[in-house]
Amino acid sequence: MDFKRYLQPRYRKGARLQTFELFRLDRGHPDKVACLRNPNSKPSMLTLCRSSNTNSPDTITLGRLLEAVAKVPAPKPNPEKALGMSIKIAPSVPAEFVHDPLVAKPAADMEADQA
């Protein structure tokens, strides 16, 4: 199944959405989005559905669509970014997060590549 072919008849294109910066969704109104230009502005309500009589997607069809999406493999580690994190950010990381893999010091072979 194709997502675009499934969703296009149900939802509008979001051309006006690009003029806003903040969005709020309400569980009670899943077809509407409150759009704000800044935190202090009055929200504009945009309706995403094409018409009020559009059937909501059934769970089976939506599940098939999600299964059809190809799984993307995790990207390869970037030694430059790992070294940059270690030099710039690691000194200011709180003690409870020091052992997190994100801020762990890169292996010696990565450092040798950068030197």
N, C-alpha and C. Protein backbone atom coordinates (compact mmCIF):
# COMPACT_ATOMS: atom_id res chain seq x y z
N MET A 1 0.84 -1.20 0.00
CA MET A 1 0.00 0.00 0.00
C MET A 1 0.87 1.25 0.00
N ASP A 2 0.31 2.29 -0.51
CA ASP A 2 1.03 3.54 -0.62
C ASP A 2 0.40 4.56 0.34
N PHE A 3 1.22 5.13 1.22
CA PHE A 3 0.72 6.11 2.18
C PHE A 3 0.03 7.29 1.49
N LYS A 4 0.68 7.80 0.47
CA LYS A 4 0.17 8.99 -0.19
C LYS A 4 -1.22 8.73 -0.78
N ARG A 5 -1.38 7.59 -1.44
CA ARG A 5 -2.66 7.26 -2.06
C ARG A 5 -3.74 7.05 -0.99
N TYR A 6 -3.35 6.57 0.17
CA TYR A 6 -4.30 6.32 1.25
C TYR A 6 -4.70 7.61 1.97
N LEU A 7 -3.73 8.47 2.25
CA LEU A 7 -4.00 9.67 3.05
C LEU A 7 -4.49 10.87 2.25
N GLN A 8 -4.13 10.95 0.98
CA GLN A 8 -4.47 12.13 0.18
C GLN A 8 -5.97 12.42 0.11
N PRO A 9 -6.83 11.41 -0.10
CA PRO A 9 -8.26 11.75 -0.14
C PRO A 9 -8.83 12.14 1.22
N ARG A 10 -8.13 11.82 2.30
CA ARG A 10 -8.65 12.09 3.64
C ARG A 10 -8.19 13.42 4.23
N TYR A 11 -6.98 13.87 3.86
CA TYR A 11 -6.42 15.07 4.48
C TYR A 11 -6.03 16.12 3.44
N ARG A 12 -6.08 17.36 3.87
CA ARG A 12 -5.68 18.48 3.01
C ARG A 12 -4.17 18.63 2.99
N LYS A 13 -3.68 19.30 1.96
CA LYS A 13 -2.26 19.63 1.93
C LYS A 13 -2.03 20.78 2.91
N GLY A 14 -0.90 20.79 3.56
CA GLY A 14 -0.64 21.76 4.62
C GLY A 14 0.10 23.00 4.16
N ALA A 15 -0.32 23.62 3.06
CA ALA A 15 0.38 24.80 2.56
C ALA A 15 0.36 25.94 3.59
N ARG A 16 -0.77 26.16 4.25
CA ARG A 16 -0.86 27.24 5.24
C ARG A 16 -0.08 26.92 6.51
N LEU A 17 0.17 25.64 6.77
CA LEU A 17 0.90 25.26 7.99
C LEU A 17 2.30 25.85 8.03
N GLN A 18 2.89 26.09 6.87
CA GLN A 18 4.26 26.59 6.82
C GLN A 18 4.38 28.03 7.31
N THR A 19 3.28 28.73 7.46
CA THR A 19 3.34 30.11 7.94
C THR A 19 3.35 30.19 9.46
N PHE A 20 3.16 29.06 10.14
CA PHE A 20 3.13 29.03 11.60
C PHE A 20 4.38 28.37 12.15
N GLU A 21 4.64 28.61 13.44
CA GLU A 21 5.83 28.04 14.07
C GLU A 21 5.52 27.09 15.21
N LEU A 22 4.38 27.25 15.86
CA LEU A 22 4.02 26.40 17.00
C LEU A 22 2.68 25.71 16.72
N PHE A 23 2.56 24.47 17.16
CA PHE A 23 1.35 23.70 16.90
C PHE A 23 0.91 23.00 18.17
N ARG A 24 -0.42 22.89 18.34
CA ARG A 24 -0.99 22.16 19.47
C ARG A 24 -2.06 21.22 18.92
N LEU A 25 -2.05 20.00 19.41
CA LEU A 25 -3.07 19.03 19.04
C LEU A 25 -3.88 18.69 20.27
N ASP A 26 -5.18 18.51 20.08
CA ASP A 26 -6.07 18.16 21.18
C ASP A 26 -6.63 16.77 20.92
N ARG A 27 -6.57 15.90 21.93
CA ARG A 27 -7.08 14.53 21.76
C ARG A 27 -8.57 14.53 21.41
N GLY A 28 -9.30 15.50 21.88
CA GLY A 28 -10.73 15.57 21.60
C GLY A 28 -11.05 15.95 20.17
N HIS A 29 -10.11 16.60 19.49
CA HIS A 29 -10.30 17.03 18.10
C HIS A 29 -9.08 16.62 17.28
N PRO A 30 -8.97 15.34 16.91
CA PRO A 30 -7.77 14.90 16.18
C PRO A 30 -7.68 15.43 14.76
N ASP A 31 -8.77 16.00 14.24
CA ASP A 31 -8.75 16.51 12.88
C ASP A 31 -8.38 17.99 12.82
N LYS A 32 -8.16 18.63 13.97
CA LYS A 32 -7.85 20.06 14.01
C LYS A 32 -6.50 20.31 14.67
N VAL A 33 -5.83 21.35 14.20
CA VAL A 33 -4.54 21.75 14.75
C VAL A 33 -4.62 23.22 15.13
N ALA A 34 -4.21 23.56 16.35
CA ALA A 34 -4.12 24.95 16.76
C ALA A 34 -2.73 25.45 16.37
N CYS A 35 -2.68 26.46 15.51
CA CYS A 35 -1.41 26.97 14.98
C CYS A 35 -1.15 28.36 15.53
N LEU A 36 0.09 28.59 15.97
CA LEU A 36 0.46 29.88 16.53
C LEU A 36 1.71 30.40 15.83
N ARG A 37 1.77 31.71 15.63
CA ARG A 37 2.96 32.31 15.02
C ARG A 37 4.06 32.51 16.08
N ASN A 38 3.66 32.77 17.32
CA ASN A 38 4.60 32.86 18.44
C ASN A 38 3.85 32.45 19.71
N PRO A 39 4.53 32.24 20.82
CA PRO A 39 3.85 31.75 22.03
C PRO A 39 2.74 32.64 22.55
N ASN A 40 2.78 33.94 22.26
CA ASN A 40 1.78 34.87 22.79
C ASN A 40 0.65 35.15 21.82
N SER A 41 0.70 34.62 20.60
CA SER A 41 -0.32 34.92 19.61
C SER A 41 -1.58 34.08 19.84
N LYS A 42 -2.67 34.54 19.26
CA LYS A 42 -3.94 33.83 19.35
C LYS A 42 -3.89 32.65 18.38
N PRO A 43 -4.30 31.45 18.81
CA PRO A 43 -4.21 30.28 17.92
C PRO A 43 -5.23 30.34 16.79
N SER A 44 -4.79 29.91 15.62
CA SER A 44 -5.67 29.75 14.46
C SER A 44 -5.95 28.26 14.33
N MET A 45 -7.21 27.89 14.25
CA MET A 45 -7.57 26.47 14.14
C MET A 45 -7.64 26.08 12.67
N LEU A 46 -6.87 25.07 12.29
CA LEU A 46 -6.90 24.54 10.93
C LEU A 46 -7.46 23.14 10.97
N THR A 47 -8.39 22.87 10.08
CA THR A 47 -8.97 21.53 9.97
C THR A 47 -8.17 20.76 8.93
N LEU A 48 -7.70 19.60 9.30
CA LEU A 48 -6.86 18.80 8.41
C LEU A 48 -7.67 17.90 7.48
N CYS A 49 -8.86 17.47 7.92
CA CYS A 49 -9.65 16.57 7.09
C CYS A 49 -10.26 17.31 5.92
N ARG A 50 -10.43 16.61 4.80
CA ARG A 50 -11.03 17.22 3.62
C ARG A 50 -12.52 17.48 3.81
N SER A 51 -13.24 16.57 4.44
CA SER A 51 -14.66 16.78 4.69
C SER A 51 -15.03 16.11 6.00
N SER A 52 -16.18 16.49 6.55
CA SER A 52 -16.58 15.96 7.85
C SER A 52 -17.07 14.52 7.75
N ASN A 53 -17.45 14.06 6.55
CA ASN A 53 -17.97 12.70 6.43
C ASN A 53 -16.89 11.69 6.06
N THR A 54 -15.63 12.09 6.10
CA THR A 54 -14.54 11.18 5.79
C THR A 54 -14.46 10.10 6.86
N ASN A 55 -14.39 8.87 6.43
CA ASN A 55 -14.27 7.77 7.38
C ASN A 55 -12.90 7.80 8.03
N SER A 56 -12.86 7.53 9.31
CA SER A 56 -11.56 7.46 9.97
C SER A 56 -10.88 6.17 9.55
N PRO A 57 -9.57 6.17 9.47
CA PRO A 57 -8.87 4.97 9.01
C PRO A 57 -9.06 3.82 10.00
N ASP A 58 -9.34 2.64 9.48
CA ASP A 58 -9.47 1.51 10.38
C ASP A 58 -8.09 1.00 10.78
N THR A 59 -8.04 0.32 11.90
CA THR A 59 -6.77 -0.12 12.47
C THR A 59 -6.04 -1.09 11.57
N ILE A 60 -6.77 -1.96 10.90
CA ILE A 60 -6.14 -2.97 10.05
C ILE A 60 -5.43 -2.32 8.87
N THR A 61 -6.11 -1.40 8.19
CA THR A 61 -5.51 -0.73 7.04
C THR A 61 -4.31 0.09 7.47
N LEU A 62 -4.44 0.81 8.56
CA LEU A 62 -3.33 1.62 9.05
C LEU A 62 -2.16 0.74 9.46
N GLY A 63 -2.44 -0.40 10.07
CA GLY A 63 -1.39 -1.34 10.45
C GLY A 63 -0.64 -1.87 9.23
N ARG A 64 -1.37 -2.17 8.15
CA ARG A 64 -0.73 -2.64 6.92
C ARG A 64 0.17 -1.56 6.33
N LEU A 65 -0.28 -0.32 6.41
CA LEU A 65 0.54 0.78 5.89
C LEU A 65 1.83 0.90 6.69
N LEU A 66 1.74 0.81 8.00
CA LEU A 66 2.93 0.94 8.84
C LEU A 66 3.89 -0.22 8.63
N GLU A 67 3.37 -1.42 8.37
CA GLU A 67 4.24 -2.57 8.10
C GLU A 67 4.96 -2.42 6.77
N ALA A 68 4.34 -1.71 5.83
CA ALA A 68 4.92 -1.57 4.49
C ALA A 68 6.10 -0.59 4.46
N VAL A 69 6.22 0.23 5.49
CA VAL A 69 7.31 1.21 5.52
C VAL A 69 8.63 0.47 5.74
N ALA A 70 9.58 0.74 4.88
CA ALA A 70 10.88 0.07 4.97
C ALA A 70 11.62 0.55 6.21
N LYS A 71 12.22 -0.38 6.92
CA LYS A 71 13.02 -0.05 8.10
C LYS A 71 14.38 0.48 7.65
N VAL A 72 14.76 1.61 8.16
CA VAL A 72 16.02 2.23 7.80
C VAL A 72 17.07 1.82 8.83
N PRO A 73 18.24 1.35 8.38
CA PRO A 73 19.26 0.96 9.34
C PRO A 73 19.83 2.18 10.07
N ALA A 74 20.35 1.94 11.25
CA ALA A 74 20.96 3.03 12.03
C ALA A 74 22.18 3.56 11.29
N PRO A 75 22.42 4.87 11.33
CA PRO A 75 23.58 5.42 10.63
C PRO A 75 24.88 5.00 11.29
N LYS A 76 25.95 5.04 10.52
CA LYS A 76 27.27 4.71 11.06
C LYS A 76 27.70 5.82 12.01
N PRO A 77 28.42 5.48 13.07
CA PRO A 77 28.89 6.52 13.99
C PRO A 77 29.83 7.49 13.28
N ASN A 78 29.70 8.76 13.58
CA ASN A 78 30.54 9.78 12.98
C ASN A 78 31.65 10.12 13.97
N PRO A 79 32.91 9.73 13.67
CA PRO A 79 34.00 9.97 14.63
C PRO A 79 34.22 11.45 14.93
N GLU A 80 33.99 12.32 13.95
CA GLU A 80 34.18 13.76 14.19
C GLU A 80 33.20 14.27 15.24
N LYS A 81 31.95 13.85 15.12
CA LYS A 81 30.94 14.29 16.09
C LYS A 81 31.21 13.71 17.47
N ALA A 82 31.63 12.44 17.52
CA ALA A 82 31.92 11.81 18.81
C ALA A 82 33.05 12.53 19.52
N LEU A 83 34.08 12.88 18.79
CA LEU A 83 35.21 13.59 19.38
C LEU A 83 34.78 15.00 19.81
N GLY A 84 33.98 15.65 18.99
CA GLY A 84 33.48 16.98 19.33
C GLY A 84 32.65 16.96 20.60
N MET A 85 31.78 15.95 20.73
CA MET A 85 30.97 15.80 21.94
C MET A 85 31.87 15.61 23.15
N SER A 86 32.89 14.78 22.99
CA SER A 86 33.78 14.49 24.11
C SER A 86 34.52 15.73 24.56
N ILE A 87 34.96 16.55 23.63
CA ILE A 87 35.75 17.74 23.96
C ILE A 87 34.88 18.87 24.49
N LYS A 88 33.76 19.15 23.81
CA LYS A 88 32.95 20.32 24.14
C LYS A 88 31.90 20.09 25.22
N ILE A 89 31.23 18.95 25.16
CA ILE A 89 30.06 18.76 26.01
C ILE A 89 30.33 17.91 27.24
N ALA A 90 31.16 16.88 27.11
CA ALA A 90 31.38 15.94 28.21
C ALA A 90 31.81 16.60 29.52
N PRO A 91 32.64 17.64 29.52
CA PRO A 91 33.03 18.24 30.81
C PRO A 91 31.85 18.83 31.60
N SER A 92 30.77 19.20 30.94
CA SER A 92 29.65 19.81 31.65
C SER A 92 28.48 18.85 31.87
N VAL A 93 28.66 17.56 31.58
CA VAL A 93 27.60 16.57 31.77
C VAL A 93 27.50 16.21 33.25
N PRO A 94 26.27 16.17 33.81
CA PRO A 94 26.10 15.80 35.21
C PRO A 94 26.60 14.37 35.47
N ALA A 95 26.98 14.09 36.70
CA ALA A 95 27.60 12.81 37.07
C ALA A 95 26.72 11.61 36.73
N GLU A 96 25.40 11.74 36.87
CA GLU A 96 24.54 10.57 36.62
C GLU A 96 24.47 10.19 35.14
N PHE A 97 24.89 11.09 34.24
CA PHE A 97 24.84 10.79 32.81
C PHE A 97 26.22 10.57 32.18
N VAL A 98 27.25 10.52 32.98
CA VAL A 98 28.62 10.38 32.47
C VAL A 98 28.80 9.09 31.69
N HIS A 99 28.14 8.02 32.09
CA HIS A 99 28.33 6.72 31.45
C HIS A 99 27.37 6.50 30.28
N ASP A 100 26.61 7.49 29.90
CA ASP A 100 25.71 7.37 28.75
C ASP A 100 26.54 7.23 27.48
N PRO A 101 26.17 6.34 26.56
CA PRO A 101 26.95 6.15 25.33
C PRO A 101 27.06 7.41 24.47
N LEU A 102 26.10 8.31 24.61
CA LEU A 102 26.16 9.55 23.82
C LEU A 102 27.34 10.43 24.19
N VAL A 103 27.69 10.44 25.46
CA VAL A 103 28.78 11.31 25.91
C VAL A 103 30.04 10.55 26.28
N ALA A 104 30.05 9.24 26.04
CA ALA A 104 31.24 8.44 26.35
C ALA A 104 32.41 8.90 25.49
N LYS A 105 33.59 8.84 26.07
CA LYS A 105 34.79 9.25 25.34
C LYS A 105 35.02 8.30 24.17
N PRO A 106 35.34 8.83 22.98
CA PRO A 106 35.55 7.96 21.83
C PRO A 106 36.76 7.05 22.02
N ALA A 107 36.76 5.93 21.33
CA ALA A 107 37.86 4.97 21.42
C ALA A 107 39.15 5.62 20.92
N ALA A 108 40.28 5.07 21.33
CA ALA A 108 41.59 5.63 20.98
C ALA A 108 41.81 5.64 19.48
N ASP A 109 41.29 4.63 18.76
CA ASP A 109 41.48 4.60 17.31
C ASP A 109 40.74 5.74 16.62
N MET A 110 39.59 6.18 17.18
CA MET A 110 38.88 7.33 16.62
C MET A 110 39.69 8.60 16.83
N GLU A 111 40.29 8.75 18.01
CA GLU A 111 41.08 9.93 18.30
C GLU A 111 42.31 9.98 17.41
N ALA A 112 42.91 8.83 17.16
CA ALA A 112 44.11 8.78 16.30
C ALA A 112 43.76 9.19 14.88
N ASP A 113 42.57 8.82 14.41
CA ASP A 113 42.14 9.20 13.06
C ASP A 113 41.99 10.71 12.93
N GLN A 114 41.56 11.37 14.01
CA GLN A 114 41.32 12.80 13.97
C GLN A 114 42.61 13.62 14.10
N ALA A 115 43.65 13.03 14.66
CA ALA A 115 44.90 13.77 14.90
C ALA A 115 45.73 13.91 13.64
